[in-house]
PDB file of all heavy atoms in Angstrom:
ATOM      1  N   ARG A   1       0.834  -1.203   0.000  1.00  0.00           N
ATOM      2  CA  ARG A   1       0.000   0.000   0.000  1.00  0.00           C
ATOM      3  C   ARG A   1       0.872   1.257   0.000  1.00  0.00           C
ATOM      4  O   ARG A   1       1.985   1.241   0.517  1.00  0.00           O
ATOM      5  CB  ARG A   1      -0.927   0.003   1.226  1.00  0.00           C
ATOM      6  CG  ARG A   1      -2.018  -1.054   1.170  1.00  0.00           C
ATOM      7  CD  ARG A   1      -2.893  -1.053   2.426  1.00  0.00           C
ATOM      8  NE  ARG A   1      -2.150  -1.487   3.610  1.00  0.00           N
ATOM      9  CZ  ARG A   1      -1.786  -0.683   4.591  1.00  0.00           C
ATOM     10  NH1 ARG A   1      -2.084   0.613   4.544  1.00  0.00           N
ATOM     11  NH2 ARG A   1      -1.113  -1.152   5.630  1.00  0.00           N
ATOM     12  N   LEU A   2       0.340   2.321  -0.572  1.00  0.00           N
ATOM     13  CA  LEU A   2       1.067   3.589  -0.618  1.00  0.00           C
ATOM     14  C   LEU A   2       1.191   4.152   0.791  1.00  0.00           C
ATOM     15  O   LEU A   2       0.222   4.212   1.549  1.00  0.00           O
ATOM     16  CB  LEU A   2       0.306   4.578  -1.509  1.00  0.00           C
ATOM     17  CG  LEU A   2       1.026   5.870  -1.912  1.00  0.00           C
ATOM     18  CD1 LEU A   2       2.240   5.564  -2.786  1.00  0.00           C
ATOM     19  CD2 LEU A   2       0.061   6.786  -2.649  1.00  0.00           C
ATOM     20  N   ARG A   3       2.393   4.555   1.163  1.00  0.00           N
ATOM     21  CA  ARG A   3       2.617   5.088   2.508  1.00  0.00           C
ATOM     22  C   ARG A   3       1.908   6.442   2.668  1.00  0.00           C
ATOM     23  O   ARG A   3       1.766   7.214   1.724  1.00  0.00           O
ATOM     24  CB  ARG A   3       4.113   5.252   2.781  1.00  0.00           C
ATOM     25  CG  ARG A   3       4.841   3.927   2.956  1.00  0.00           C
ATOM     26  CD  ARG A   3       6.223   4.116   3.543  1.00  0.00           C
ATOM     27  NE  ARG A   3       6.916   2.848   3.680  1.00  0.00           N
ATOM     28  CZ  ARG A   3       6.761   2.011   4.702  1.00  0.00           C
ATOM     29  NH1 ARG A   3       5.920   2.336   5.687  1.00  0.00           N
ATOM     30  NH2 ARG A   3       7.431   0.873   4.754  1.00  0.00           N
ATOM     31  N   ASN A   4       1.506   6.724   3.907  1.00  0.00           N
ATOM     32  CA  ASN A   4       0.780   7.963   4.209  1.00  0.00           C
ATOM     33  C   ASN A   4       1.563   9.201   3.816  1.00  0.00           C
ATOM     34  O   ASN A   4       0.990  10.231   3.446  1.00  0.00           O
ATOM     35  CB  ASN A   4       0.423   8.025   5.700  1.00  0.00           C
ATOM     36  CG  ASN A   4      -0.597   6.977   6.095  1.00  0.00           C
ATOM     37  OD1 ASN A   4      -1.372   6.522   5.248  1.00  0.00           O
ATOM     38  ND2 ASN A   4      -0.616   6.589   7.364  1.00  0.00           N
ATOM     39  N   THR A   5       2.898   9.105   3.885  1.00  0.00           N
ATOM     40  CA  THR A   5       3.766  10.238   3.544  1.00  0.00           C
ATOM     41  C   THR A   5       3.454  10.786   2.152  1.00  0.00           C
ATOM     42  O   THR A   5       3.567  11.990   1.905  1.00  0.00           O
ATOM     43  CB  THR A   5       5.244   9.796   3.573  1.00  0.00           C
ATOM     44  OG1 THR A   5       5.495   9.076   4.773  1.00  0.00           O
ATOM     45  CG2 THR A   5       6.190  10.978   3.459  1.00  0.00           C
ATOM     46  N   TYR A   6       3.063   9.884   1.247  1.00  0.00           N
ATOM     47  CA  TYR A   6       2.863  10.276  -0.147  1.00  0.00           C
ATOM     48  C   TYR A   6       1.402  10.289  -0.573  1.00  0.00           C
ATOM     49  O   TYR A   6       1.103  10.616  -1.729  1.00  0.00           O
ATOM     50  CB  TYR A   6       3.660   9.339  -1.066  1.00  0.00           C
ATOM     51  CG  TYR A   6       5.144   9.394  -0.809  1.00  0.00           C
ATOM     52  CD1 TYR A   6       5.790   8.379  -0.120  1.00  0.00           C
ATOM     53  CD2 TYR A   6       5.892  10.489  -1.224  1.00  0.00           C
ATOM     54  CE1 TYR A   6       7.156   8.440   0.138  1.00  0.00           C
ATOM     55  CE2 TYR A   6       7.256  10.570  -0.974  1.00  0.00           C
ATOM     56  CZ  TYR A   6       7.879   9.540  -0.294  1.00  0.00           C
ATOM     57  OH  TYR A   6       9.221   9.618  -0.050  1.00  0.00           O
ATOM     58  N   SER A   7       0.494   9.936   0.309  1.00  0.00           N
ATOM     59  CA  SER A   7      -0.905   9.783  -0.081  1.00  0.00           C
ATOM     60  C   SER A   7      -1.552  11.105  -0.517  1.00  0.00           C
ATOM     61  O   SER A   7      -2.530  11.108  -1.263  1.00  0.00           O
ATOM     62  CB  SER A   7      -1.719   9.171   1.064  1.00  0.00           C
ATOM     63  OG  SER A   7      -1.646   9.992   2.219  1.00  0.00           O
ATOM     64  N   GLU A   8      -0.996  12.250  -0.048  1.00  0.00           N
ATOM     65  CA  GLU A   8      -1.561  13.544  -0.416  1.00  0.00           C
ATOM     66  C   GLU A   8      -1.075  14.041  -1.773  1.00  0.00           C
ATOM     67  O   GLU A   8      -1.699  14.898  -2.392  1.00  0.00           O
ATOM     68  CB  GLU A   8      -1.213  14.592   0.659  1.00  0.00           C
ATOM     69  CG  GLU A   8      -1.836  14.328   2.018  1.00  0.00           C
ATOM     70  CD  GLU A   8      -3.359  14.371   1.972  1.00  0.00           C
ATOM     71  OE1 GLU A   8      -3.898  15.289   1.316  1.00  0.00           O
ATOM     72  OE2 GLU A   8      -3.986  13.480   2.570  1.00  0.00           O
ATOM     73  N   SER A   9       0.048  13.503  -2.237  1.00  0.00           N
ATOM     74  CA  SER A   9       0.645  14.038  -3.463  1.00  0.00           C
ATOM     75  C   SER A   9       0.730  13.030  -4.610  1.00  0.00           C
ATOM     76  O   SER A   9       0.978  13.415  -5.757  1.00  0.00           O
ATOM     77  CB  SER A   9       2.064  14.553  -3.172  1.00  0.00           C
ATOM     78  OG  SER A   9       2.877  13.509  -2.647  1.00  0.00           O
ATOM     79  N   VAL A  10       0.505  11.758  -4.302  1.00  0.00           N
ATOM     80  CA  VAL A  10       0.724  10.700  -5.301  1.00  0.00           C
ATOM     81  C   VAL A  10      -0.490   9.778  -5.384  1.00  0.00           C
ATOM     82  O   VAL A  10      -1.098   9.438  -4.370  1.00  0.00           O
ATOM     83  CB  VAL A  10       1.983   9.868  -4.934  1.00  0.00           C
ATOM     84  CG1 VAL A  10       2.142   8.677  -5.868  1.00  0.00           C
ATOM     85  CG2 VAL A  10       3.236  10.744  -4.970  1.00  0.00           C
ATOM     86  N   ASN A  11      -0.838   9.388  -6.600  1.00  0.00           N
ATOM     87  CA  ASN A  11      -1.834   8.343  -6.833  1.00  0.00           C
ATOM     88  C   ASN A  11      -1.124   7.061  -7.242  1.00  0.00           C
ATOM     89  O   ASN A  11      -0.126   7.109  -7.978  1.00  0.00           O
ATOM     90  CB  ASN A  11      -2.796   8.731  -7.952  1.00  0.00           C
ATOM     91  CG  ASN A  11      -3.840   9.731  -7.502  1.00  0.00           C
ATOM     92  OD1 ASN A  11      -4.320   9.675  -6.369  1.00  0.00           O
ATOM     93  ND2 ASN A  11      -4.196  10.658  -8.388  1.00  0.00           N
ATOM     94  N   MET A  12      -1.641   5.914  -6.798  1.00  0.00           N
ATOM     95  CA  MET A  12      -1.111   4.624  -7.217  1.00  0.00           C
ATOM     96  C   MET A  12      -2.212   3.835  -7.926  1.00  0.00           C
ATOM     97  O   MET A  12      -3.334   3.753  -7.433  1.00  0.00           O
ATOM     98  CB  MET A  12      -0.603   3.814  -6.012  1.00  0.00           C
ATOM     99  CG  MET A  12       0.007   2.471  -6.412  1.00  0.00           C
ATOM    100  SD  MET A  12       0.720   1.558  -5.013  1.00  0.00           S
ATOM    101  CE  MET A  12      -0.756   0.839  -4.284  1.00  0.00           C
ATOM    102  N   ILE A  13      -1.890   3.302  -9.095  1.00  0.00           N
ATOM    103  CA  ILE A  13      -2.823   2.455  -9.842  1.00  0.00           C
ATOM    104  C   ILE A  13      -2.162   1.089 -10.003  1.00  0.00           C
ATOM    105  O   ILE A  13      -0.985   0.997 -10.348  1.00  0.00           O
ATOM    106  CB  ILE A  13      -3.127   3.019 -11.250  1.00  0.00           C
ATOM    107  CG1 ILE A  13      -3.259   4.539 -11.224  1.00  0.00           C
ATOM    108  CG2 ILE A  13      -4.375   2.393 -11.820  1.00  0.00           C
ATOM    109  CD1 ILE A  13      -3.281   5.175 -12.590  1.00  0.00           C
ATOM    110  N   ARG A  14      -2.926   0.041  -9.759  1.00  0.00           N
ATOM    111  CA  ARG A  14      -2.365  -1.310  -9.752  1.00  0.00           C
ATOM    112  C   ARG A  14      -3.346  -2.270 -10.411  1.00  0.00           C
ATOM    113  O   ARG A  14      -4.550  -2.169 -10.199  1.00  0.00           O
ATOM    114  CB  ARG A  14      -2.100  -1.708  -8.311  1.00  0.00           C
ATOM    115  CG  ARG A  14      -1.537  -3.072  -8.070  1.00  0.00           C
ATOM    116  CD  ARG A  14      -1.267  -3.235  -6.571  1.00  0.00           C
ATOM    117  NE  ARG A  14      -1.011  -4.616  -6.215  1.00  0.00           N
ATOM    118  CZ  ARG A  14      -0.787  -5.030  -4.970  1.00  0.00           C
ATOM    119  NH1 ARG A  14      -0.777  -4.156  -3.972  1.00  0.00           N
ATOM    120  NH2 ARG A  14      -0.557  -6.313  -4.727  1.00  0.00           N
ATOM    121  N   GLY A  15      -2.841  -3.175 -11.250  1.00  0.00           N
ATOM    122  CA  GLY A  15      -3.727  -4.126 -11.917  1.00  0.00           C
ATOM    123  C   GLY A  15      -2.959  -5.253 -12.572  1.00  0.00           C
ATOM    124  O   GLY A  15      -1.728  -5.274 -12.574  1.00  0.00           O
ATOM    125  N   PRO A  16      -3.662  -6.229 -13.167  1.00  0.00           N
ATOM    126  CA  PRO A  16      -3.018  -7.392 -13.789  1.00  0.00           C
ATOM    127  C   PRO A  16      -2.096  -6.996 -14.935  1.00  0.00           C
ATOM    128  O   PRO A  16      -2.334  -6.016 -15.637  1.00  0.00           O
ATOM    129  CB  PRO A  16      -4.208  -8.213 -14.314  1.00  0.00           C
ATOM    130  CG  PRO A  16      -5.394  -7.709 -13.575  1.00  0.00           C
ATOM    131  CD  PRO A  16      -5.131  -6.270 -13.283  1.00  0.00           C
ATOM    132  N   TYR A  17      -1.040  -7.781 -15.096  1.00  0.00           N
ATOM    133  CA  TYR A  17      -0.044  -7.537 -16.144  1.00  0.00           C
ATOM    134  C   TYR A  17       0.276  -8.871 -16.795  1.00  0.00           C
ATOM    135  O   TYR A  17       0.676  -9.820 -16.117  1.00  0.00           O
ATOM    136  CB  TYR A  17       1.204  -6.937 -15.489  1.00  0.00           C
ATOM    137  CG  TYR A  17       2.268  -6.391 -16.419  1.00  0.00           C
ATOM    138  CD1 TYR A  17       2.096  -6.311 -17.790  1.00  0.00           C
ATOM    139  CD2 TYR A  17       3.474  -5.935 -15.889  1.00  0.00           C
ATOM    140  CE1 TYR A  17       3.075  -5.785 -18.605  1.00  0.00           C
ATOM    141  CE2 TYR A  17       4.466  -5.401 -16.699  1.00  0.00           C
ATOM    142  CZ  TYR A  17       4.261  -5.331 -18.058  1.00  0.00           C
ATOM    143  OH  TYR A  17       5.241  -4.816 -18.867  1.00  0.00           O
ATOM    144  N   LEU A  18       0.104  -8.958 -18.102  1.00  0.00           N
ATOM    145  CA  LEU A  18       0.412 -10.201 -18.820  1.00  0.00           C
ATOM    146  C   LEU A  18       1.914 -10.256 -19.089  1.00  0.00           C
ATOM    147  O   LEU A  18       2.396 -10.105 -20.208  1.00  0.00           O
ATOM    148  CB  LEU A  18      -0.388 -10.285 -20.118  1.00  0.00           C
ATOM    149  CG  LEU A  18      -1.913 -10.349 -19.935  1.00  0.00           C
ATOM    150  CD1 LEU A  18      -2.614 -10.425 -21.288  1.00  0.00           C
ATOM    151  CD2 LEU A  18      -2.319 -11.534 -19.068  1.00  0.00           C
ATOM    152  N   ASN A  19       2.644 -10.483 -18.010  1.00  0.00           N
ATOM    153  CA  ASN A  19       4.105 -10.499 -18.054  1.00  0.00           C
ATOM    154  C   ASN A  19       4.613 -11.588 -17.114  1.00  0.00           C
ATOM    155  O   ASN A  19       4.291 -11.578 -15.930  1.00  0.00           O
ATOM    156  CB  ASN A  19       4.656  -9.142 -17.616  1.00  0.00           C
ATOM    157  CG  ASN A  19       6.177  -9.147 -17.463  1.00  0.00           C
ATOM    158  OD1 ASN A  19       6.869  -9.860 -18.184  1.00  0.00           O
ATOM    159  ND2 ASN A  19       6.677  -8.372 -16.525  1.00  0.00           N
ATOM    160  N   THR A  20       5.373 -12.517 -17.658  1.00  0.00           N
ATOM    161  CA  THR A  20       5.987 -13.570 -16.853  1.00  0.00           C
ATOM    162  C   THR A  20       7.476 -13.292 -16.710  1.00  0.00           C
ATOM    163  O   THR A  20       8.197 -13.188 -17.706  1.00  0.00           O
ATOM    164  CB  THR A  20       5.797 -14.956 -17.494  1.00  0.00           C
ATOM    165  OG1 THR A  20       4.395 -15.221 -17.629  1.00  0.00           O
ATOM    166  CG2 THR A  20       6.426 -16.052 -16.646  1.00  0.00           C
ATOM    167  N   GLU A  21       7.930 -13.142 -15.484  1.00  0.00           N
ATOM    168  CA  GLU A  21       9.359 -13.003 -15.196  1.00  0.00           C
ATOM    169  C   GLU A  21       9.920 -14.403 -14.955  1.00  0.00           C
ATOM    170  O   GLU A  21       9.316 -15.203 -14.232  1.00  0.00           O
ATOM    171  CB  GLU A  21       9.576 -12.124 -13.964  1.00  0.00           C
ATOM    172  CG  GLU A  21       9.066 -10.705 -14.107  1.00  0.00           C
ATOM    173  CD  GLU A  21       9.976  -9.841 -14.960  1.00  0.00           C
ATOM    174  OE1 GLU A  21      11.149 -10.229 -15.166  1.00  0.00           O
ATOM    175  OE2 GLU A  21       9.507  -8.781 -15.421  1.00  0.00           O
ATOM    176  N   TYR A  22      11.081 -14.705 -15.541  1.00  0.00           N
ATOM    177  CA  TYR A  22      11.574 -16.081 -15.468  1.00  0.00           C
ATOM    178  C   TYR A  22      13.098 -16.148 -15.563  1.00  0.00           C
ATOM    179  O   TYR A  22      13.757 -15.173 -15.945  1.00  0.00           O
ATOM    180  CB  TYR A  22      10.957 -16.931 -16.576  1.00  0.00           C
ATOM    181  CG  TYR A  22      11.446 -16.593 -17.974  1.00  0.00           C
ATOM    182  CD1 TYR A  22      12.490 -17.317 -18.563  1.00  0.00           C
ATOM    183  CD2 TYR A  22      10.878 -15.562 -18.709  1.00  0.00           C
ATOM    184  CE1 TYR A  22      12.949 -17.021 -19.837  1.00  0.00           C
ATOM    185  CE2 TYR A  22      11.327 -15.252 -19.988  1.00  0.00           C
ATOM    186  CZ  TYR A  22      12.358 -15.982 -20.546  1.00  0.00           C
ATOM    187  OH  TYR A  22      12.817 -15.682 -21.813  1.00  0.00           O
ATOM    188  N   LEU A  23      13.639 -17.313 -15.208  1.00  0.00           N
ATOM    189  CA  LEU A  23      15.027 -17.659 -15.488  1.00  0.00           C
ATOM    190  C   LEU A  23      15.012 -18.714 -16.583  1.00  0.00           C
ATOM    191  O   LEU A  23      14.189 -19.635 -16.557  1.00  0.00           O
ATOM    192  CB  LEU A  23      15.720 -18.226 -14.238  1.00  0.00           C
ATOM    193  CG  LEU A  23      15.640 -17.422 -12.948  1.00  0.00           C
ATOM    194  CD1 LEU A  23      16.376 -18.160 -11.827  1.00  0.00           C
ATOM    195  CD2 LEU A  23      16.217 -16.021 -13.137  1.00  0.00           C
ATOM    196  N   GLY A  24      15.916 -18.591 -17.536  1.00  0.00           N
ATOM    197  CA  GLY A  24      15.965 -19.559 -18.627  1.00  0.00           C
ATOM    198  C   GLY A  24      17.288 -20.308 -18.656  1.00  0.00           C
ATOM    199  O   GLY A  24      18.326 -19.787 -18.241  1.00  0.00           O
ATOM    200  N   PHE A  25      17.240 -21.554 -19.147  1.00  0.00           N
ATOM    201  CA  PHE A  25      18.436 -22.384 -19.310  1.00  0.00           C
ATOM    202  C   PHE A  25      18.738 -22.550 -20.793  1.00  0.00           C
ATOM    203  O   PHE A  25      17.829 -22.823 -21.598  1.00  0.00           O
ATOM    204  CB  PHE A  25      18.222 -23.772 -18.697  1.00  0.00           C
ATOM    205  CG  PHE A  25      17.980 -23.783 -17.214  1.00  0.00           C
ATOM    206  CD1 PHE A  25      16.690 -23.920 -16.716  1.00  0.00           C
ATOM    207  CD2 PHE A  25      19.028 -23.662 -16.312  1.00  0.00           C
ATOM    208  CE1 PHE A  25      16.454 -23.939 -15.351  1.00  0.00           C
ATOM    209  CE2 PHE A  25      18.799 -23.679 -14.944  1.00  0.00           C
ATOM    210  CZ  PHE A  25      17.512 -23.814 -14.462  1.00  0.00           C
ATOM    211  N   TYR A  26      20.003 -22.415 -21.170  1.00  0.00           N
ATOM    212  CA  TYR A  26      20.426 -22.653 -22.543  1.00  0.00           C
ATOM    213  C   TYR A  26      20.812 -24.131 -22.662  1.00  0.00           C
ATOM    214  O   TYR A  26      21.868 -24.557 -22.171  1.00  0.00           O
ATOM    215  CB  TYR A  26      21.604 -21.754 -22.893  1.00  0.00           C
ATOM    216  CG  TYR A  26      22.143 -21.945 -24.296  1.00  0.00           C
ATOM    217  CD1 TYR A  26      21.331 -21.745 -25.410  1.00  0.00           C
ATOM    218  CD2 TYR A  26      23.473 -22.330 -24.507  1.00  0.00           C
ATOM    219  CE1 TYR A  26      21.818 -21.917 -26.691  1.00  0.00           C
ATOM    220  CE2 TYR A  26      23.975 -22.506 -25.789  1.00  0.00           C
ATOM    221  CZ  TYR A  26      23.143 -22.300 -26.879  1.00  0.00           C
ATOM    222  OH  TYR A  26      23.628 -22.481 -28.156  1.00  0.00           O
ATOM    223  N   LEU A  27      19.950 -24.915 -23.314  1.00  0.00           N
ATOM    224  CA  LEU A  27      20.084 -26.372 -23.284  1.00  0.00           C
ATOM    225  C   LEU A  27      21.233 -26.906 -24.131  1.00  0.00           C
ATOM    226  O   LEU A  27      21.622 -28.071 -23.965  1.00  0.00           O
ATOM    227  CB  LEU A  27      18.763 -27.018 -23.721  1.00  0.00           C
ATOM    228  CG  LEU A  27      17.528 -26.618 -22.899  1.00  0.00           C
ATOM    229  CD1 LEU A  27      16.304 -27.384 -23.379  1.00  0.00           C
ATOM    230  CD2 LEU A  27      17.771 -26.871 -21.412  1.00  0.00           C
ATOM    231  N   ASP A  28      21.773 -26.089 -25.028  1.00  0.00           N
ATOM    232  CA  ASP A  28      22.943 -26.520 -25.808  1.00  0.00           C
ATOM    233  C   ASP A  28      24.254 -26.227 -25.080  1.00  0.00           C
ATOM    234  O   ASP A  28      25.341 -26.375 -25.640  1.00  0.00           O
ATOM    235  CB  ASP A  28      22.950 -25.837 -27.179  1.00  0.00           C
ATOM    236  CG  ASP A  28      21.978 -26.491 -28.155  1.00  0.00           C
ATOM    237  OD1 ASP A  28      21.527 -27.612 -27.864  1.00  0.00           O
ATOM    238  OD2 ASP A  28      21.657 -25.877 -29.194  1.00  0.00           O
ATOM    239  N   SER A  29      24.150 -25.800 -23.836  1.00  0.00           N
ATOM    240  CA  SER A  29      25.336 -25.541 -23.023  1.00  0.00           C
ATOM    241  C   SER A  29      26.142 -26.823 -22.821  1.00  0.00           C
ATOM    242  O   SER A  29      25.592 -27.926 -22.780  1.00  0.00           O
ATOM    243  CB  SER A  29      24.906 -24.998 -21.655  1.00  0.00           C
ATOM    244  OG  SER A  29      25.975 -25.028 -20.744  1.00  0.00           O
ATOM    245  N   LYS A  30      27.466 -26.669 -22.706  1.00  0.00           N
ATOM    246  CA  LYS A  30      28.347 -27.813 -22.434  1.00  0.00           C
ATOM    247  C   LYS A  30      28.453 -28.094 -20.937  1.00  0.00           C
ATOM    248  O   LYS A  30      29.092 -29.073 -20.531  1.00  0.00           O
ATOM    249  CB  LYS A  30      29.747 -27.544 -22.994  1.00  0.00           C
ATOM    250  CG  LYS A  30      29.778 -27.219 -24.479  1.00  0.00           C
ATOM    251  CD  LYS A  30      29.192 -28.346 -25.322  1.00  0.00           C
ATOM    252  CE  LYS A  30      29.279 -28.004 -26.816  1.00  0.00           C
ATOM    253  NZ  LYS A  30      28.598 -29.033 -27.654  1.00  0.00           N
ATOM    254  N   THR A  31      27.826 -27.269 -20.111  1.00  0.00           N
ATOM    255  CA  THR A  31      27.892 -27.434 -18.661  1.00  0.00           C
ATOM    256  C   THR A  31      26.990 -28.583 -18.214  1.00  0.00           C
ATOM    257  O   THR A  31      25.782 -28.545 -18.468  1.00  0.00           O
ATOM    258  CB  THR A  31      27.448 -26.133 -17.952  1.00  0.00           C
ATOM    259  OG1 THR A  31      28.226 -25.042 -18.454  1.00  0.00           O
ATOM    260  CG2 THR A  31      27.618 -26.249 -16.451  1.00  0.00           C
ATOM    261  N   PRO A  32      27.532 -29.613 -17.566  1.00  0.00           N
ATOM    262  CA  PRO A  32      26.718 -30.784 -17.175  1.00  0.00           C
ATOM    263  C   PRO A  32      25.514 -30.411 -16.303  1.00  0.00           C
ATOM    264  O   PRO A  32      24.440 -31.001 -16.456  1.00  0.00           O
ATOM    265  CB  PRO A  32      27.708 -31.657 -16.399  1.00  0.00           C
ATOM    266  CG  PRO A  32      29.058 -31.229 -16.867  1.00  0.00           C
ATOM    267  CD  PRO A  32      28.951 -29.778 -17.191  1.00  0.00           C
ATOM    268  N   GLU A  33      25.696 -29.444 -15.409  1.00  0.00           N
ATOM    269  CA  GLU A  33      24.590 -29.066 -14.523  1.00  0.00           C
ATOM    270  C   GLU A  33      23.417 -28.481 -15.309  1.00  0.00           C
ATOM    271  O   GLU A  33      22.251 -28.740 -14.979  1.00  0.00           O
ATOM    272  CB  GLU A  33      25.073 -28.037 -13.479  1.00  0.00           C
ATOM    273  CG  GLU A  33      26.016 -28.605 -12.433  1.00  0.00           C
ATOM    274  CD  GLU A  33      27.483 -28.526 -12.839  1.00  0.00           C
ATOM    275  OE1 GLU A  33      27.775 -28.455 -14.058  1.00  0.00           O
ATOM    276  OE2 GLU A  33      28.345 -28.551 -11.939  1.00  0.00           O
ATOM    277  N   ILE A  34      23.712 -27.707 -16.349  1.00  0.00           N
ATOM    278  CA  ILE A  34      22.650 -27.096 -17.155  1.00  0.00           C
ATOM    279  C   ILE A  34      21.949 -28.162 -17.998  1.00  0.00           C
ATOM    280  O   ILE A  34      20.740 -28.105 -18.220  1.00  0.00           O
ATOM    281  CB  ILE A  34      23.219 -25.982 -18.061  1.00  0.00           C
ATOM    282  CG1 ILE A  34      23.819 -24.858 -17.206  1.00  0.00           C
ATOM    283  CG2 ILE A  34      22.144 -25.427 -18.993  1.00  0.00           C
ATOM    284  CD1 ILE A  34      22.840 -24.114 -16.339  1.00  0.00           C
TER     285      ILE A  34
END
């Protein structure tokens, strides 16, 4: 939630975002762990 310090001067808008944050593996890597 927006802190009271800023509630008089700032508006916050929040909603769904079709965005997936992820880590990816490069499968052609020569590293055995990958």
